[in-house]
Amino acid sequence: MFQFGTSNEKQVALLIFEDTEMYEDSMDDIVKRISSTFKDEQYLRRVSGSRQRWVDDDIHEIASGIISYLKKL
């Protein structure tokens, strides 16, 4: 099970692990699910074209950065 340490880890625990509607039980589970989502090119095109998008960087670089960050938690 996930060990609680940093404030980021505590937030992940609160928002994901303690949510009864979420199925992820570990950081590996979270990384797998997010990675799967970010491999969907249709999803990435929709995010990239969104009017609410406020970051102008390449969507693939953003997705890769998010995955890298989550792997470090």
PDB file of N, CA and C in Angstrom:
ATOM      1  N   MET A   1       0.840  -1.190   0.000  1.00  0.00           N
ATOM      2  CA  MET A   1       0.000   0.000   0.000  1.00  0.00           C
ATOM      3  C   MET A   1       0.875   1.240   0.000  1.00  0.00           C
ATOM      4  N   PHE A   2       0.318   2.338  -0.370  1.00  0.00           N
ATOM      5  CA  PHE A   2       1.002   3.613  -0.502  1.00  0.00           C
ATOM      6  C   PHE A   2       1.438   4.154   0.848  1.00  0.00           C
ATOM      7  N   GLN A   3       2.670   4.653   0.922  1.00  0.00           N
ATOM      8  CA  GLN A   3       3.186   5.260   2.146  1.00  0.00           C
ATOM      9  C   GLN A   3       2.985   6.769   2.083  1.00  0.00           C
ATOM     10  N   PHE A   4       2.449   7.348   3.125  1.00  0.00           N
ATOM     11  CA  PHE A   4       2.184   8.781   3.155  1.00  0.00           C
ATOM     12  C   PHE A   4       3.404   9.514   3.682  1.00  0.00           C
ATOM     13  N   GLY A   5       3.924  10.455   2.899  1.00  0.00           N
ATOM     14  CA  GLY A   5       5.105  11.197   3.312  1.00  0.00           C
ATOM     15  C   GLY A   5       4.948  12.672   3.021  1.00  0.00           C
ATOM     16  N   THR A   6       5.199  13.062   1.781  1.00  0.00           N
ATOM     17  CA  THR A   6       5.137  14.471   1.406  1.00  0.00           C
ATOM     18  C   THR A   6       3.689  14.938   1.294  1.00  0.00           C
ATOM     19  N   SER A   7       3.527  16.247   1.239  1.00  0.00           N
ATOM     20  CA  SER A   7       2.169  16.787   1.103  1.00  0.00           C
ATOM     21  C   SER A   7       1.549  16.355  -0.220  1.00  0.00           C
ATOM     22  N   ASN A   8       2.365  16.218  -1.289  1.00  0.00           N
ATOM     23  CA  ASN A   8       1.829  15.747  -2.573  1.00  0.00           C
ATOM     24  C   ASN A   8       1.286  14.334  -2.437  1.00  0.00           C
ATOM     25  N   GLU A   9       2.005  13.504  -1.719  1.00  0.00           N
ATOM     26  CA  GLU A   9       1.556  12.131  -1.507  1.00  0.00           C
ATOM     27  C   GLU A   9       0.270  12.105  -0.688  1.00  0.00           C
ATOM     28  N   LYS A  10       0.162  12.990   0.278  1.00  0.00           N
ATOM     29  CA  LYS A  10      -1.048  13.057   1.085  1.00  0.00           C
ATOM     30  C   LYS A  10      -2.240  13.495   0.244  1.00  0.00           C
ATOM     31  N   GLN A  11      -1.997  14.415  -0.694  1.00  0.00           N
ATOM     32  CA  GLN A  11      -3.082  14.854  -1.569  1.00  0.00           C
ATOM     33  C   GLN A  11      -3.522  13.724  -2.486  1.00  0.00           C
ATOM     34  N   VAL A  12      -2.566  12.983  -3.012  1.00  0.00           N
ATOM     35  CA  VAL A  12      -2.897  11.834  -3.856  1.00  0.00           C
ATOM     36  C   VAL A  12      -3.713  10.834  -3.051  1.00  0.00           C
ATOM     37  N   ALA A  13      -3.290  10.576  -1.828  1.00  0.00           N
ATOM     38  CA  ALA A  13      -4.008   9.628  -0.979  1.00  0.00           C
ATOM     39  C   ALA A  13      -5.442  10.090  -0.754  1.00  0.00           C
ATOM     40  N   LEU A  14      -5.606  11.347  -0.452  1.00  0.00           N
ATOM     41  CA  LEU A  14      -6.936  11.879  -0.173  1.00  0.00           C
ATOM     42  C   LEU A  14      -7.823  11.850  -1.416  1.00  0.00           C
ATOM     43  N   LEU A  15      -7.295  12.277  -2.555  1.00  0.00           N
ATOM     44  CA  LEU A  15      -8.106  12.413  -3.760  1.00  0.00           C
ATOM     45  C   LEU A  15      -8.322  11.111  -4.517  1.00  0.00           C
ATOM     46  N   ILE A  16      -7.424  10.159  -4.357  1.00  0.00           N
ATOM     47  CA  ILE A  16      -7.522   8.927  -5.153  1.00  0.00           C
ATOM     48  C   ILE A  16      -7.693   7.697  -4.281  1.00  0.00           C
ATOM     49  N   PHE A  17      -6.757   7.447  -3.383  1.00  0.00           N
ATOM     50  CA  PHE A  17      -6.799   6.205  -2.625  1.00  0.00           C
ATOM     51  C   PHE A  17      -7.974   6.143  -1.658  1.00  0.00           C
ATOM     52  N   GLU A  18      -8.376   7.270  -1.122  1.00  0.00           N
ATOM     53  CA  GLU A  18      -9.476   7.283  -0.166  1.00  0.00           C
ATOM     54  C   GLU A  18     -10.834   7.499  -0.827  1.00  0.00           C
ATOM     55  N   ASP A  19     -10.844   7.697  -2.145  1.00  0.00           N
ATOM     56  CA  ASP A  19     -12.091   7.861  -2.893  1.00  0.00           C
ATOM     57  C   ASP A  19     -12.642   6.474  -3.216  1.00  0.00           C
ATOM     58  N   THR A  20     -13.796   6.157  -2.695  1.00  0.00           N
ATOM     59  CA  THR A  20     -14.373   4.820  -2.864  1.00  0.00           C
ATOM     60  C   THR A  20     -14.754   4.513  -4.313  1.00  0.00           C
ATOM     61  N   GLU A  21     -14.825   5.533  -5.168  1.00  0.00           N
ATOM     62  CA  GLU A  21     -15.174   5.312  -6.576  1.00  0.00           C
ATOM     63  C   GLU A  21     -13.945   5.117  -7.456  1.00  0.00           C
ATOM     64  N   MET A  22     -12.761   5.252  -6.881  1.00  0.00           N
ATOM     65  CA  MET A  22     -11.525   5.054  -7.648  1.00  0.00           C
ATOM     66  C   MET A  22     -11.028   3.629  -7.397  1.00  0.00           C
ATOM     67  N   TYR A  23     -10.432   3.035  -8.411  1.00  0.00           N
ATOM     68  CA  TYR A  23      -9.985   1.649  -8.312  1.00  0.00           C
ATOM     69  C   TYR A  23      -8.485   1.506  -8.093  1.00  0.00           C
ATOM     70  N   GLU A  24      -7.741   2.610  -8.175  1.00  0.00           N
ATOM     71  CA  GLU A  24      -6.296   2.552  -8.043  1.00  0.00           C
ATOM     72  C   GLU A  24      -5.898   2.379  -6.582  1.00  0.00           C
ATOM     73  N   ASP A  25      -4.970   1.436  -6.353  1.00  0.00           N
ATOM     74  CA  ASP A  25      -4.516   1.137  -4.991  1.00  0.00           C
ATOM     75  C   ASP A  25      -3.055   1.472  -4.772  1.00  0.00           C
ATOM     76  N   SER A  26      -2.359   1.920  -5.832  1.00  0.00           N
ATOM     77  CA  SER A  26      -0.936   2.224  -5.704  1.00  0.00           C
ATOM     78  C   SER A  26      -0.563   3.293  -6.726  1.00  0.00           C
ATOM     79  N   MET A  27       0.620   3.875  -6.544  1.00  0.00           N
ATOM     80  CA  MET A  27       1.097   4.854  -7.522  1.00  0.00           C
ATOM     81  C   MET A  27       1.307   4.183  -8.873  1.00  0.00           C
ATOM     82  N   ASP A  28       1.740   2.935  -8.878  1.00  0.00           N
ATOM     83  CA  ASP A  28       1.894   2.213 -10.151  1.00  0.00           C
ATOM     84  C   ASP A  28       0.562   2.134 -10.883  1.00  0.00           C
ATOM     85  N   ASP A  29      -0.522   1.880 -10.154  1.00  0.00           N
ATOM     86  CA  ASP A  29      -1.860   1.838 -10.759  1.00  0.00           C
ATOM     87  C   ASP A  29      -2.224   3.187 -11.371  1.00  0.00           C
ATOM     88  N   ILE A  30      -1.896   4.252 -10.659  1.00  0.00           N
ATOM     89  CA  ILE A  30      -2.207   5.599 -11.153  1.00  0.00           C
ATOM     90  C   ILE A  30      -1.410   5.881 -12.424  1.00  0.00           C
ATOM     91  N   VAL A  31      -0.122   5.588 -12.397  1.00  0.00           N
ATOM     92  CA  VAL A  31       0.727   5.830 -13.562  1.00  0.00           C
ATOM     93  C   VAL A  31       0.227   5.028 -14.763  1.00  0.00           C
ATOM     94  N   LYS A  32      -0.153   3.784 -14.552  1.00  0.00           N
ATOM     95  CA  LYS A  32      -0.679   2.953 -15.649  1.00  0.00           C
ATOM     96  C   LYS A  32      -1.947   3.555 -16.235  1.00  0.00           C
ATOM     97  N   ARG A  33      -2.851   4.004 -15.372  1.00  0.00           N
ATOM     98  CA  ARG A  33      -4.114   4.559 -15.863  1.00  0.00           C
ATOM     99  C   ARG A  33      -3.901   5.867 -16.616  1.00  0.00           C
ATOM    100  N   ILE A  34      -3.087   6.762 -16.067  1.00  0.00           N
ATOM    101  CA  ILE A  34      -2.825   8.037 -16.724  1.00  0.00           C
ATOM    102  C   ILE A  34      -2.054   7.813 -18.021  1.00  0.00           C
ATOM    103  N   SER A  35      -1.082   6.908 -18.007  1.00  0.00           N
ATOM    104  CA  SER A  35      -0.323   6.596 -19.223  1.00  0.00           C
ATOM    105  C   SER A  35      -1.243   6.085 -20.318  1.00  0.00           C
ATOM    106  N   SER A  36      -2.162   5.228 -19.955  1.00  0.00           N
ATOM    107  CA  SER A  36      -3.122   4.697 -20.918  1.00  0.00           C
ATOM    108  C   SER A  36      -3.972   5.819 -21.512  1.00  0.00           C
ATOM    109  N   THR A  37      -4.411   6.721 -20.683  1.00  0.00           N
ATOM    110  CA  THR A  37      -5.213   7.855 -21.148  1.00  0.00           C
ATOM    111  C   THR A  37      -4.410   8.721 -22.106  1.00  0.00           C
ATOM    112  N   PHE A  38      -3.147   8.994 -21.753  1.00  0.00           N
ATOM    113  CA  PHE A  38      -2.319   9.871 -22.573  1.00  0.00           C
ATOM    114  C   PHE A  38      -1.833   9.207 -23.855  1.00  0.00           C
ATOM    115  N   LYS A  39      -2.006   7.908 -23.997  1.00  0.00           N
ATOM    116  CA  LYS A  39      -1.673   7.228 -25.251  1.00  0.00           C
ATOM    117  C   LYS A  39      -2.802   7.356 -26.274  1.00  0.00           C
ATOM    118  N   ASP A  40      -3.952   7.809 -25.833  1.00  0.00           N
ATOM    119  CA  ASP A  40      -5.114   7.968 -26.706  1.00  0.00           C
ATOM    120  C   ASP A  40      -4.975   9.285 -27.475  1.00  0.00           C
ATOM    121  N   GLU A  41      -4.608   9.199 -28.759  1.00  0.00           N
ATOM    122  CA  GLU A  41      -4.388  10.399 -29.571  1.00  0.00           C
ATOM    123  C   GLU A  41      -5.655  11.244 -29.714  1.00  0.00           C
ATOM    124  N   GLN A  42      -6.810  10.610 -29.758  1.00  0.00           N
ATOM    125  CA  GLN A  42      -8.059  11.364 -29.847  1.00  0.00           C
ATOM    126  C   GLN A  42      -8.246  12.218 -28.587  1.00  0.00           C
ATOM    127  N   TYR A  43      -7.970  11.646 -27.439  1.00  0.00           N
ATOM    128  CA  TYR A  43      -8.064  12.399 -26.181  1.00  0.00           C
ATOM    129  C   TYR A  43      -7.105  13.587 -26.200  1.00  0.00           C
ATOM    130  N   LEU A  44      -5.846  13.345 -26.609  1.00  0.00           N
ATOM    131  CA  LEU A  44      -4.859  14.413 -26.632  1.00  0.00           C
ATOM    132  C   LEU A  44      -5.250  15.522 -27.607  1.00  0.00           C
ATOM    133  N   ARG A  45      -5.830  15.170 -28.746  1.00  0.00           N
ATOM    134  CA  ARG A  45      -6.303  16.196 -29.698  1.00  0.00           C
ATOM    135  C   ARG A  45      -7.416  17.030 -29.084  1.00  0.00           C
ATOM    136  N   ARG A  46      -8.323  16.375 -28.366  1.00  0.00           N
ATOM    137  CA  ARG A  46      -9.420  17.117 -27.732  1.00  0.00           C
ATOM    138  C   ARG A  46      -8.905  18.059 -26.654  1.00  0.00           C
ATOM    139  N   VAL A  47      -7.956  17.599 -25.855  1.00  0.00           N
ATOM    140  CA  VAL A  47      -7.369  18.453 -24.820  1.00  0.00           C
ATOM    141  C   VAL A  47      -6.615  19.612 -25.474  1.00  0.00           C
ATOM    142  N   SER A  48      -5.843  19.304 -26.497  1.00  0.00           N
ATOM    143  CA  SER A  48      -5.034  20.316 -27.167  1.00  0.00           C
ATOM    144  C   SER A  48      -5.903  21.404 -27.798  1.00  0.00           C
ATOM    145  N   GLY A  49      -7.057  21.016 -28.326  1.00  0.00           N
ATOM    146  CA  GLY A  49      -7.941  21.974 -28.995  1.00  0.00           C
ATOM    147  C   GLY A  49      -8.953  22.641 -28.090  1.00  0.00           C
ATOM    148  N   SER A  50      -8.923  22.337 -26.815  1.00  0.00           N
ATOM    149  CA  SER A  50      -9.902  22.880 -25.883  1.00  0.00           C
ATOM    150  C   SER A  50      -9.765  24.393 -25.734  1.00  0.00           C
ATOM    151  N   ARG A  51     -10.889  25.087 -25.645  1.00  0.00           N
ATOM    152  CA  ARG A  51     -10.878  26.536 -25.407  1.00  0.00           C
ATOM    153  C   ARG A  51     -10.421  26.851 -23.988  1.00  0.00           C
ATOM    154  N   GLN A  52     -10.524  25.894 -23.082  1.00  0.00           N
ATOM    155  CA  GLN A  52     -10.103  26.115 -21.701  1.00  0.00           C
ATOM    156  C   GLN A  52      -8.621  25.826 -21.486  1.00  0.00           C
ATOM    157  N   ARG A  53      -7.929  25.407 -22.508  1.00  0.00           N
ATOM    158  CA  ARG A  53      -6.509  25.089 -22.373  1.00  0.00           C
ATOM    159  C   ARG A  53      -5.734  26.374 -22.108  1.00  0.00           C
ATOM    160  N   TRP A  54      -4.934  26.375 -21.064  1.00  0.00           N
ATOM    161  CA  TRP A  54      -4.202  27.582 -20.695  1.00  0.00           C
ATOM    162  C   TRP A  54      -2.690  27.423 -20.765  1.00  0.00           C
ATOM    163  N   VAL A  55      -2.223  26.271 -21.220  1.00  0.00           N
ATOM    164  CA  VAL A  55      -0.793  26.035 -21.410  1.00  0.00           C
ATOM    165  C   VAL A  55      -0.562  25.834 -22.900  1.00  0.00           C
ATOM    166  N   ASP A  56       0.375  26.593 -23.454  1.00  0.00           N
ATOM    167  CA  ASP A  56       0.604  26.543 -24.899  1.00  0.00           C
ATOM    168  C   ASP A  56       1.665  25.543 -25.335  1.00  0.00           C
ATOM    169  N   ASP A  57       2.291  24.853 -24.407  1.00  0.00           N
ATOM    170  CA  ASP A  57       3.323  23.876 -24.759  1.00  0.00           C
ATOM    171  C   ASP A  57       2.706  22.694 -25.495  1.00  0.00           C
ATOM    172  N   ASP A  58       3.572  21.924 -26.152  1.00  0.00           N
ATOM    173  CA  ASP A  58       3.145  20.730 -26.872  1.00  0.00           C
ATOM    174  C   ASP A  58       2.452  19.759 -25.921  1.00  0.00           C
ATOM    175  N   ILE A  59       1.289  19.279 -26.304  1.00  0.00           N
ATOM    176  CA  ILE A  59       0.478  18.418 -25.435  1.00  0.00           C
ATOM    177  C   ILE A  59       1.209  17.120 -25.106  1.00  0.00           C
ATOM    178  N   HIS A  60       2.013  16.618 -26.029  1.00  0.00           N
ATOM    179  CA  HIS A  60       2.762  15.383 -25.762  1.00  0.00           C
ATOM    180  C   HIS A  60       3.846  15.613 -24.705  1.00  0.00           C
ATOM    181  N   GLU A  61       4.486  16.780 -24.747  1.00  0.00           N
ATOM    182  CA  GLU A  61       5.488  17.115 -23.731  1.00  0.00           C
ATOM    183  C   GLU A  61       4.832  17.281 -22.361  1.00  0.00           C
ATOM    184  N   ILE A  62       3.659  17.889 -22.337  1.00  0.00           N
ATOM    185  CA  ILE A  62       2.927  18.062 -21.082  1.00  0.00           C
ATOM    186  C   ILE A  62       2.563  16.695 -20.497  1.00  0.00           C
ATOM    187  N   ALA A  63       2.019  15.825 -21.332  1.00  0.00           N
ATOM    188  CA  ALA A  63       1.619  14.486 -20.879  1.00  0.00           C
ATOM    189  C   ALA A  63       2.833  13.720 -20.358  1.00  0.00           C
ATOM    190  N   SER A  64       3.938  13.798 -21.072  1.00  0.00           N
ATOM    191  CA  SER A  64       5.164  13.122 -20.647  1.00  0.00           C
ATOM    192  C   SER A  64       5.659  13.674 -19.313  1.00  0.00           C
ATOM    193  N   GLY A  65       5.577  14.980 -19.141  1.00  0.00           N
ATOM    194  CA  GLY A  65       5.991  15.599 -17.883  1.00  0.00           C
ATOM    195  C   GLY A  65       5.129  15.157 -16.714  1.00  0.00           C
ATOM    196  N   ILE A  66       3.836  15.039 -16.944  1.00  0.00           N
ATOM    197  CA  ILE A  66       2.920  14.589 -15.886  1.00  0.00           C
ATOM    198  C   ILE A  66       3.262  13.160 -15.473  1.00  0.00           C
ATOM    199  N   ILE A  67       3.478  12.297 -16.461  1.00  0.00           N
ATOM    200  CA  ILE A  67       3.836  10.898 -16.167  1.00  0.00           C
ATOM    201  C   ILE A  67       5.148  10.835 -15.398  1.00  0.00           C
ATOM    202  N   SER A  68       6.139  11.600 -15.826  1.00  0.00           N
ATOM    203  CA  SER A  68       7.436  11.617 -15.135  1.00  0.00           C
ATOM    204  C   SER A  68       7.276  12.065 -13.690  1.00  0.00           C
ATOM    205  N   TYR A  69       6.474  13.097 -13.481  1.00  0.00           N
ATOM    206  CA  TYR A  69       6.240  13.603 -12.125  1.00  0.00           C
ATOM    207  C   TYR A  69       5.567  12.547 -11.255  1.00  0.00           C
ATOM    208  N   LEU A  70       4.538  11.900 -11.789  1.00  0.00           N
ATOM    209  CA  LEU A  70       3.821  10.895 -11.004  1.00  0.00           C
ATOM    210  C   LEU A  70       4.719   9.711 -10.643  1.00  0.00           C
ATOM    211  N   LYS A  71       5.625   9.351 -11.541  1.00  0.00           N
ATOM    212  CA  LYS A  71       6.538   8.232 -11.264  1.00  0.00           C
ATOM    213  C   LYS A  71       7.475   8.539 -10.098  1.00  0.00           C
ATOM    214  N   LYS A  72       7.723   9.833  -9.851  1.00  0.00           N
ATOM    215  CA  LYS A  72       8.616  10.226  -8.762  1.00  0.00           C
ATOM    216  C   LYS A  72       7.933  10.234  -7.404  1.00  0.00           C
ATOM    217  N   LEU A  73       6.612  10.224  -7.398  1.00  0.00           N
ATOM    218  CA  LEU A  73       5.892  10.251  -6.115  1.00  0.00           C
ATOM    219  C   LEU A  73       5.949   8.904  -5.424  1.00  0.00           C
TER     220      LEU A  73
END
